[in-house]
Amino acid sequence: MTPTNRLRTTFISLSTALLTLLPSCGDTKTYSDYQDEEDEAIERFINSKGISIVGTMPETDGEWLNKNGKEEYFLYTSGKAKGLYYHQVKKGEGDLAPQNNWTAYIRYVGYNMKGDMIYNCTAQYAPDPQSFKISSTNSDQTFGVGFQQAVKNLRIGGKCKVIIPFDIGNSENTTIKGYITSDEGEYRTMYYEIELVGLE
């Protein structure tokens, strides 16, 4: 083999090795891929817990359960909170409904769709309740549209459980236990248990 052929063979071998190390374009997930994964994850979660989905919000002040004693979740199919799955554990006391620009004081625990705890805002980790100003947008808010709509449904002392798709979800919060970065943070579907402690 001539030196020129040997050099060409070496170059081809090195090029092939480098190409195998580079990620292919097919490895990059699209927005649609994340949505498909989310739909599948939510469906698995709902099925694993025997949850019933209803299209009309129940009117009782207590917990929403179907005739088999399983949790009922109301699915928002329109508006800014579209995609939110909302289950009332108890509505809370009084008629004082949270309004935009009010400050809500809350406790909550957040899990991903695999059941891993991501946020823990119970008294063990956050002696004082978390607070945020209620809004109708996601702009510069730690607490996104889905979370805020859930809180707006409660009265003081009320509790709920929600599944929140990433489109209407929360941004990262470093002030409580748990923090995620990267795509898992941006495209994160969450399950929360929320309690409204106070309003002002």
Protein backbone atom coordinates (compact mmCIF):
# COMPACT_ATOMS: atom_id res chain seq x y z
CA MET A 1 0.00 0.00 0.00
CA THR A 2 1.39 3.37 -1.03
CA PRO A 3 1.75 6.18 1.53
CA THR A 4 -1.05 8.08 -0.23
CA ASN A 5 -3.44 5.09 -0.03
CA ARG A 6 -2.45 4.47 3.60
CA LEU A 7 -3.19 8.13 4.44
CA ARG A 8 -6.54 7.95 2.63
CA THR A 9 -7.48 4.75 4.50
CA THR A 10 -6.51 6.30 7.84
CA PHE A 11 -8.57 9.44 7.07
CA ILE A 12 -11.62 7.37 6.14
CA SER A 13 -11.31 5.29 9.33
CA LEU A 14 -11.00 8.40 11.51
CA SER A 15 -13.96 10.07 9.77
CA THR A 16 -16.11 6.99 10.29
CA ALA A 17 -15.18 6.82 13.98
CA LEU A 18 -16.02 10.51 14.51
CA LEU A 19 -19.38 10.18 12.79
CA THR A 20 -20.35 7.32 15.08
CA LEU A 21 -19.57 9.48 18.12
CA LEU A 22 -21.71 12.43 17.00
CA PRO A 23 -25.44 12.34 17.90
CA SER A 24 -27.66 11.82 14.93
CA CYS A 25 -30.39 14.29 14.02
CA GLY A 26 -32.91 11.58 14.86
CA ASP A 27 -31.80 11.68 18.53
CA THR A 28 -33.11 15.23 19.01
CA LYS A 29 -36.63 15.26 20.42
CA THR A 30 -39.18 17.61 18.94
CA TYR A 31 -41.94 19.46 20.79
CA SER A 32 -44.37 16.92 19.34
CA ASP A 33 -42.26 14.05 20.74
CA TYR A 34 -42.45 15.57 24.21
CA GLN A 35 -46.22 15.99 23.89
CA ASP A 36 -46.64 12.35 22.82
CA GLU A 37 -44.51 11.18 25.75
CA GLU A 38 -46.55 13.35 28.08
CA ASP A 39 -49.87 11.97 26.81
CA GLU A 40 -48.63 8.42 27.36
CA ALA A 41 -47.28 9.22 30.84
CA ILE A 42 -50.54 10.85 31.93
CA GLU A 43 -52.57 7.93 30.60
CA ARG A 44 -50.38 5.44 32.49
CA PHE A 45 -50.68 7.53 35.67
CA ILE A 46 -54.47 7.77 35.41
CA ASN A 47 -54.85 4.05 34.71
CA SER A 48 -52.52 3.04 37.54
CA LYS A 49 -54.58 4.99 40.07
CA GLY A 50 -58.00 4.09 38.68
CA ILE A 51 -58.86 7.77 38.20
CA SER A 52 -62.13 8.76 36.50
CA ILE A 53 -62.15 11.79 34.20
CA VAL A 54 -65.31 13.92 34.09
CA GLY A 55 -66.30 16.74 31.76
CA THR A 56 -68.49 18.60 34.25
CA MET A 57 -67.08 19.93 37.51
CA PRO A 58 -68.81 18.26 40.50
CA GLU A 59 -70.62 20.68 42.82
CA THR A 60 -70.00 19.05 46.20
CA ASP A 61 -67.76 20.79 48.75
CA GLY A 62 -66.20 17.48 49.77
CA GLU A 63 -63.97 15.06 47.89
CA TRP A 64 -64.93 14.12 44.37
CA LEU A 65 -65.31 10.34 44.18
CA ASN A 66 -67.13 8.12 41.71
CA LYS A 67 -69.60 5.39 42.72
CA ASN A 68 -66.69 2.96 43.15
CA GLY A 69 -64.93 5.28 45.58
CA LYS A 70 -62.21 6.25 43.09
CA GLU A 71 -61.05 9.83 42.58
CA GLU A 72 -62.76 11.94 39.92
CA TYR A 73 -60.74 14.56 38.08
CA PHE A 74 -62.28 17.38 36.07
CA LEU A 75 -60.41 17.97 32.82
CA TYR A 76 -60.19 21.55 31.55
CA THR A 77 -60.70 21.36 27.77
CA SER A 78 -60.63 25.08 26.97
CA GLY A 79 -59.27 28.38 28.25
CA LYS A 80 -55.84 29.21 29.63
CA ALA A 81 -55.85 26.17 31.92
CA LYS A 82 -56.62 23.75 29.07
CA GLY A 83 -55.15 20.33 29.87
CA LEU A 84 -55.37 20.69 33.67
CA TYR A 85 -56.69 17.63 35.55
CA TYR A 86 -58.24 18.84 38.81
CA HIS A 87 -59.42 16.75 41.79
CA GLN A 88 -60.95 18.39 44.84
CA VAL A 89 -60.12 16.76 48.17
CA LYS A 90 -62.02 19.47 50.06
CA LYS A 91 -63.08 22.89 48.90
CA GLY A 92 -62.26 24.76 52.11
CA GLU A 93 -64.18 27.19 54.30
CA GLY A 94 -66.14 30.31 53.41
CA ASP A 95 -66.87 32.06 50.15
CA LEU A 96 -63.62 34.00 49.78
CA ALA A 97 -62.37 33.00 46.32
CA PRO A 98 -58.76 33.74 45.34
CA GLN A 99 -58.54 36.62 42.85
CA ASN A 100 -55.85 37.96 40.51
CA ASN A 101 -53.27 40.16 42.28
CA TRP A 102 -54.02 38.61 45.69
CA THR A 103 -51.27 36.78 47.58
CA ALA A 104 -51.93 33.09 48.20
CA TYR A 105 -50.19 31.13 50.96
CA ILE A 106 -49.86 27.46 50.13
CA ARG A 107 -48.30 24.15 51.03
CA TYR A 108 -47.76 21.48 48.41
CA VAL A 109 -45.89 18.39 47.35
CA GLY A 110 -44.99 17.81 43.69
CA TYR A 111 -44.17 14.56 41.91
CA ASN A 112 -43.25 13.68 38.37
CA MET A 113 -45.26 11.09 36.43
CA LYS A 114 -42.93 8.33 37.68
CA GLY A 115 -43.88 9.10 41.28
CA ASP A 116 -40.54 10.71 42.18
CA MET A 117 -40.88 13.61 44.62
CA ILE A 118 -39.55 16.80 43.05
CA TYR A 119 -40.85 19.52 45.38
CA ASN A 120 -41.76 19.28 49.06
CA CYS A 121 -43.24 22.40 50.57
CA THR A 122 -44.62 20.81 53.72
CA ALA A 123 -43.74 22.19 57.15
CA GLN A 124 -40.83 19.73 57.42
CA TYR A 125 -38.95 21.49 54.63
CA ALA A 126 -40.55 24.94 54.57
CA PRO A 127 -41.70 26.08 58.04
CA ASP A 128 -43.49 29.07 56.51
CA PRO A 129 -46.03 28.49 53.73
CA GLN A 130 -44.92 29.43 50.21
CA SER A 131 -46.55 32.55 48.82
CA PHE A 132 -47.16 33.90 45.35
CA LYS A 133 -49.20 36.62 43.68
CA ILE A 134 -52.12 35.15 41.78
CA SER A 135 -52.15 35.97 38.10
CA SER A 136 -53.73 34.69 34.90
CA THR A 137 -50.48 34.21 32.99
CA ASN A 138 -47.20 32.30 33.14
CA SER A 139 -45.09 35.44 32.69
CA ASP A 140 -42.28 35.57 35.24
CA GLN A 141 -44.21 33.27 37.54
CA THR A 142 -42.78 30.35 39.45
CA PHE A 143 -46.33 29.06 39.65
CA GLY A 144 -47.80 28.51 36.20
CA VAL A 145 -51.33 28.86 34.86
CA GLY A 146 -52.35 25.30 35.77
CA PHE A 147 -51.19 25.60 39.37
CA GLN A 148 -52.81 29.01 39.76
CA GLN A 149 -56.14 27.80 38.40
CA ALA A 150 -56.07 24.95 40.93
CA VAL A 151 -55.53 27.44 43.77
CA LYS A 152 -58.33 29.69 42.45
CA ASN A 153 -60.75 26.77 42.80
CA LEU A 154 -60.04 26.45 46.53
CA ARG A 155 -61.14 28.33 49.60
CA ILE A 156 -58.97 28.75 52.71
CA GLY A 157 -58.21 25.32 54.18
CA GLY A 158 -59.06 23.61 50.90
CA LYS A 159 -57.00 20.85 49.34
CA CYS A 160 -56.73 19.46 45.84
CA LYS A 161 -54.72 17.11 43.64
CA VAL A 162 -53.81 18.06 40.10
CA ILE A 163 -52.00 16.79 37.02
CA ILE A 164 -50.39 19.71 35.19
CA PRO A 165 -49.01 19.38 31.64
CA PHE A 166 -45.77 21.18 30.87
CA ASP A 167 -47.51 23.77 28.65
CA ILE A 168 -49.26 25.25 31.70
CA GLY A 169 -46.74 24.13 34.30
CA ASN A 170 -44.40 25.76 36.78
CA SER A 171 -40.93 27.09 36.27
CA GLU A 172 -38.14 25.86 38.55
CA ASN A 173 -38.19 26.89 42.19
CA THR A 174 -34.92 26.79 44.13
CA THR A 175 -36.43 27.93 47.41
CA ILE A 176 -37.85 24.55 48.32
CA LYS A 177 -36.62 20.97 48.36
CA GLY A 178 -35.97 19.81 44.83
CA TYR A 179 -34.76 21.38 41.59
CA ILE A 180 -34.54 20.18 38.01
CA THR A 181 -32.64 21.56 35.05
CA SER A 182 -32.33 20.63 31.36
CA ASP A 183 -35.11 19.34 29.13
CA GLU A 184 -36.62 17.38 32.02
CA GLY A 185 -37.32 20.72 33.67
CA GLU A 186 -38.71 22.45 30.62
CA TYR A 187 -40.88 19.52 29.51
CA ARG A 188 -41.98 18.25 32.90
CA THR A 189 -45.46 16.96 33.61
CA MET A 190 -46.26 17.21 37.32
CA TYR A 191 -48.70 15.84 39.88
CA TYR A 192 -49.32 18.11 42.87
CA GLU A 193 -51.12 17.89 46.20
CA ILE A 194 -51.94 21.49 47.17
CA GLU A 195 -53.38 23.12 50.28
CA LEU A 196 -54.49 26.77 50.41
CA VAL A 197 -53.41 28.07 53.83
CA GLY A 198 -54.32 31.76 53.55
CA LEU A 199 -55.06 34.76 51.34
CA GLU A 200 -54.41 38.49 51.50
